[in-house]
C-alpha atoms as a PDB file:
ATOM      1  CA  HIS A   1       0.079  -0.033   0.010  1.00  0.00           C
ATOM      2  CA  ARG A   2       2.900   2.298  -0.170  1.00  0.00           C
ATOM      3  CA  SER A   3       3.023   2.638  -3.967  1.00  0.00           C
ATOM      4  CA  PRO A   4       2.984   5.997  -5.205  1.00  0.00           C
ATOM      5  CA  TRP A   5       0.615   4.981  -7.882  1.00  0.00           C
ATOM      6  CA  ARG A   6      -1.949   3.870  -5.326  1.00  0.00           C
ATOM      7  CA  PHE A   7      -3.835   7.301  -5.662  1.00  0.00           C
ATOM      8  CA  ALA A   8      -4.273   6.725  -9.583  1.00  0.00           C
ATOM      9  CA  TYR A   9      -5.119   3.362  -9.364  1.00  0.00           C
ATOM     10  CA  VAL A  10      -7.979   4.078  -6.918  1.00  0.00           C
ATOM     11  CA  MET A  11      -9.170   7.146  -9.177  1.00  0.00           C
ATOM     12  CA  ARG A  12      -9.188   4.975 -12.244  1.00  0.00           C
ATOM     13  CA  HIS A  13     -11.316   2.537 -10.600  1.00  0.00           C
ATOM     14  CA  ILE A  14     -13.721   4.707  -8.654  1.00  0.00           C
ATOM     15  CA  LEU A  15     -16.462   4.245 -11.361  1.00  0.00           C
ATOM     16  CA  VAL A  16     -16.378   0.298 -10.538  1.00  0.00           C
ATOM     17  CA  SER A  17     -17.446   1.208  -6.913  1.00  0.00           C
ATOM     18  CA  THR A  18     -20.717  -0.578  -6.261  1.00  0.00           C
ATOM     19  CA  THR A  19     -21.381   2.317  -3.404  1.00  0.00           C
ATOM     20  CA  LEU A  20     -20.781   5.158  -6.018  1.00  0.00           C
ATOM     21  CA  ARG A  21     -22.847   3.206  -8.722  1.00  0.00           C
ATOM     22  CA  HIS A  22     -25.863   2.986  -6.283  1.00  0.00           C
ATOM     23  CA  MET A  23     -25.691   6.790  -5.462  1.00  0.00           C
ATOM     24  CA  LYS A  24     -24.522   8.178  -8.892  1.00  0.00           C
ATOM     25  CA  TRP A  25     -27.854  10.044  -9.787  1.00  0.00           C
ATOM     26  CA  ASN A  26     -28.076  11.445  -6.358  1.00  0.00           C
ATOM     27  CA  LEU A  27     -24.439  12.684  -6.404  1.00  0.00           C
ATOM     28  CA  ALA A  28     -24.739  13.989  -9.915  1.00  0.00           C
ATOM     29  CA  PHE A  29     -27.734  16.038  -9.124  1.00  0.00           C
ATOM     30  CA  VAL A  30     -26.021  17.553  -6.037  1.00  0.00           C
ATOM     31  CA  VAL A  31     -22.743  18.165  -7.971  1.00  0.00           C
ATOM     32  CA  LEU A  32     -24.611  19.714 -10.805  1.00  0.00           C
ATOM     33  CA  TRP A  33     -26.705  21.928  -8.761  1.00  0.00           C
ATOM     34  CA  SER A  34     -23.658  23.214  -6.872  1.00  0.00           C
ATOM     35  CA  MET A  35     -21.924  24.008 -10.011  1.00  0.00           C
ATOM     36  CA  ALA A  36     -24.984  25.692 -11.544  1.00  0.00           C
ATOM     37  CA  VAL A  37     -25.266  27.959  -8.639  1.00  0.00           C
ATOM     38  CA  VAL A  38     -21.495  28.855  -8.506  1.00  0.00           C
ATOM     39  CA  LEU A  39     -21.623  29.683 -11.964  1.00  0.00           C
ATOM     40  CA  HIS A  40     -24.651  31.874 -11.674  1.00  0.00           C
ATOM     41  CA  ASN A  41     -23.270  33.746  -8.752  1.00  0.00           C
ATOM     42  CA  MET A  42     -19.909  34.290 -10.690  1.00  0.00           C
ATOM     43  CA  ALA A  43     -21.979  35.749 -13.640  1.00  0.00           C
ATOM     44  CA  VAL A  44     -24.345  38.038 -12.114  1.00  0.00           C
ATOM     45  CA  GLY A  45     -22.243  39.127  -9.023  1.00  0.00           C
ATOM     46  CA  PRO A  46     -22.832  39.342  -5.281  1.00  0.00           C
ATOM     47  CA  ALA A  47     -25.829  41.672  -5.776  1.00  0.00           C
ATOM     48  CA  ARG A  48     -28.144  39.032  -7.556  1.00  0.00           C
ATOM     49  CA  ALA A  49     -26.463  35.859  -6.172  1.00  0.00           C
ATOM     50  CA  ILE A  50     -28.515  32.741  -5.292  1.00  0.00           C
ATOM     51  CA  VAL A  51     -28.167  31.372  -1.847  1.00  0.00           C
ATOM     52  CA  ALA A  52     -28.345  27.507  -2.208  1.00  0.00           C
ATOM     53  CA  PRO A  53     -30.007  25.693   0.819  1.00  0.00           C
ATOM     54  CA  GLU A  54     -27.616  23.592   2.788  1.00  0.00           C
ATOM     55  CA  MET A  55     -29.959  20.785   3.813  1.00  0.00           C
ATOM     56  CA  GLN A  56     -29.429  18.557   0.714  1.00  0.00           C
ATOM     57  CA  PHE A  57     -25.467  19.093   1.036  1.00  0.00           C
ATOM     58  CA  SER A  58     -25.639  18.149   4.771  1.00  0.00           C
ATOM     59  CA  VAL A  59     -27.750  15.209   3.959  1.00  0.00           C
ATOM     60  CA  ALA A  60     -25.688  13.983   1.300  1.00  0.00           C
ATOM     61  CA  SER A  61     -22.482  14.348   3.030  1.00  0.00           C
ATOM     62  CA  ALA A  62     -24.061  12.391   6.287  1.00  0.00           C
ATOM     63  CA  PHE A  63     -25.327   9.698   3.661  1.00  0.00           C
ATOM     64  CA  ILE A  64     -21.795   9.347   2.045  1.00  0.00           C
ATOM     65  CA  ALA A  65     -20.063   9.281   5.437  1.00  0.00           C
ATOM     66  CA  LEU A  66     -22.544   6.175   6.703  1.00  0.00           C
ATOM     67  CA  GLN A  67     -21.772   4.517   3.213  1.00  0.00           C
ATOM     68  CA  LEU A  68     -18.201   4.538   3.777  1.00  0.00           C
ATOM     69  CA  VAL A  69     -18.294   3.568   7.461  1.00  0.00           C
ATOM     70  CA  PHE A  70     -20.440   0.688   6.464  1.00  0.00           C
ATOM     71  CA  ARG A  71     -18.070  -0.316   3.425  1.00  0.00           C
ATOM     72  CA  THR A  72     -15.018  -0.043   5.576  1.00  0.00           C
ATOM     73  CA  GLN A  73     -16.835  -2.235   8.446  1.00  0.00           C
ATOM     74  CA  PHE A  74     -17.798  -4.951   6.052  1.00  0.00           C
ATOM     75  CA  ALA A  75     -14.161  -4.999   4.632  1.00  0.00           C
ATOM     76  CA  TYR A  76     -12.983  -5.283   8.156  1.00  0.00           C
ATOM     77  CA  ASP A  77     -15.273  -7.946   8.992  1.00  0.00           C
ATOM     78  CA  ARG A  78     -14.064 -10.019   5.983  1.00  0.00           C
ATOM     79  CA  ILE A  79     -10.521  -9.627   6.983  1.00  0.00           C
ATOM     80  CA  VAL A  80     -11.489 -11.028  10.583  1.00  0.00           C
ATOM     81  CA  ILE A  81     -13.189 -13.888   9.025  1.00  0.00           C
ATOM     82  CA  ALA A  82     -10.564 -14.730   6.884  1.00  0.00           C
ATOM     83  CA  ARG A  83      -7.975 -14.616   9.682  1.00  0.00           C
ATOM     84  CA  ASP A  84     -10.386 -16.994  11.622  1.00  0.00           C
ATOM     85  CA  ARG A  85     -10.759 -19.534   8.621  1.00  0.00           C
ATOM     86  CA  PHE A  86      -7.000 -19.351   7.962  1.00  0.00           C
ATOM     87  CA  GLY A  87      -6.086 -20.030  11.663  1.00  0.00           C
ATOM     88  CA  SER A  88      -8.590 -22.892  11.884  1.00  0.00           C
ATOM     89  CA  MET A  89      -7.086 -24.394   8.656  1.00  0.00           C
ATOM     90  CA  ILE A  90      -3.718 -24.370  10.263  1.00  0.00           C
ATOM     91  CA  HIS A  91      -4.886 -25.791  13.329  1.00  0.00           C
ATOM     92  CA  HIS A  92      -6.415 -28.811  11.440  1.00  0.00           C
ATOM     93  CA  THR A  93      -3.309 -29.169   9.394  1.00  0.00           C
ATOM     94  CA  ARG A  94      -1.244 -29.323  12.722  1.00  0.00           C
ATOM     95  CA  SER A  95      -3.890 -31.745  14.103  1.00  0.00           C
ATOM     96  CA  LEU A  96      -3.460 -34.100  10.913  1.00  0.00           C
ATOM     97  CA  VAL A  97       0.533 -34.035  11.412  1.00  0.00           C
ATOM     98  CA  ARG A  98       0.156 -35.090  15.097  1.00  0.00           C
ATOM     99  CA  ILE A  99      -2.326 -37.889  14.013  1.00  0.00           C
ATOM    100  CA  THR A 100       0.026 -39.141  11.168  1.00  0.00           C
ATOM    101  CA  THR A 101       2.891 -39.100  13.802  1.00  0.00           C
ATOM    102  CA  HIS A 102       1.009 -41.986  15.689  1.00  0.00           C
ATOM    103  CA  PHE A 103      -0.609 -43.955  12.903  1.00  0.00           C
ATOM    104  CA  LEU A 104       1.767 -43.986   9.835  1.00  0.00           C
ATOM    105  CA  PRO A 105       5.332 -45.229   9.258  1.00  0.00           C
ATOM    106  CA  ARG A 106       8.127 -43.138   9.745  1.00  0.00           C
ATOM    107  CA  ALA A 107       8.953 -42.669   6.072  1.00  0.00           C
ATOM    108  CA  GLN A 108       5.297 -41.596   5.229  1.00  0.00           C
ATOM    109  CA  ASP A 109       5.151 -39.337   8.376  1.00  0.00           C
ATOM    110  CA  ALA A 110       8.048 -37.274   7.071  1.00  0.00           C
ATOM    111  CA  ARG A 111       6.519 -36.812   3.910  1.00  0.00           C
ATOM    112  CA  THR A 112       3.198 -35.914   5.269  1.00  0.00           C
ATOM    113  CA  ARG A 113       4.838 -33.545   7.484  1.00  0.00           C
ATOM    114  CA  GLN A 114       6.647 -31.818   4.483  1.00  0.00           C
ATOM    115  CA  LEU A 115       3.379 -31.713   2.515  1.00  0.00           C
ATOM    116  CA  CYS A 116       1.507 -30.037   5.504  1.00  0.00           C
ATOM    117  CA  ALA A 117       4.112 -27.546   5.917  1.00  0.00           C
ATOM    118  CA  ALA A 118       4.246 -26.669   2.145  1.00  0.00           C
ATOM    119  CA  PHE A 119       0.439 -26.512   2.347  1.00  0.00           C
ATOM    120  CA  ALA A 120       0.350 -24.272   5.078  1.00  0.00           C
ATOM    121  CA  TRP A 121       2.811 -21.928   3.256  1.00  0.00           C
ATOM    122  CA  ALA A 122       1.026 -21.949   0.194  1.00  0.00           C
ATOM    123  CA  ALA A 123      -2.179 -20.952   1.538  1.00  0.00           C
ATOM    124  CA  LEU A 124      -0.359 -18.170   3.292  1.00  0.00           C
ATOM    125  CA  ALA A 125       1.124 -17.182   0.141  1.00  0.00           C
ATOM    126  CA  GLN A 126      -2.216 -17.251  -1.655  1.00  0.00           C
ATOM    127  CA  LEU A 127      -3.691 -14.976   0.915  1.00  0.00           C
ATOM    128  CA  ARG A 128      -1.508 -12.228   0.425  1.00  0.00           C
END
């Protein structure tokens, strides 16, 4: 996450976001309304300026903030679930190694230990 190109990557994929896709017309309206008010005020001057009501902006900003909070919370929940599942997978792999120690011949036991260790490392590398 320390890449200097991270911002460019995020901005290039921002239109793919499901959150923004669901809110695109509401956000477009608010942005276009704001731009129209600013452009009108710049054209006519302060004497005949329009004062835009702030209600829709405060509601929109609260809605966007809640969307981002929920999105962040869901991402954190997915990380926690993945950690738990990976931990249980490692636990079951270690149990398998312990069982093979008692029930398999020594040659097969060594090979099974190597395969279990390789599986754990491969699964860890796959998660990154």
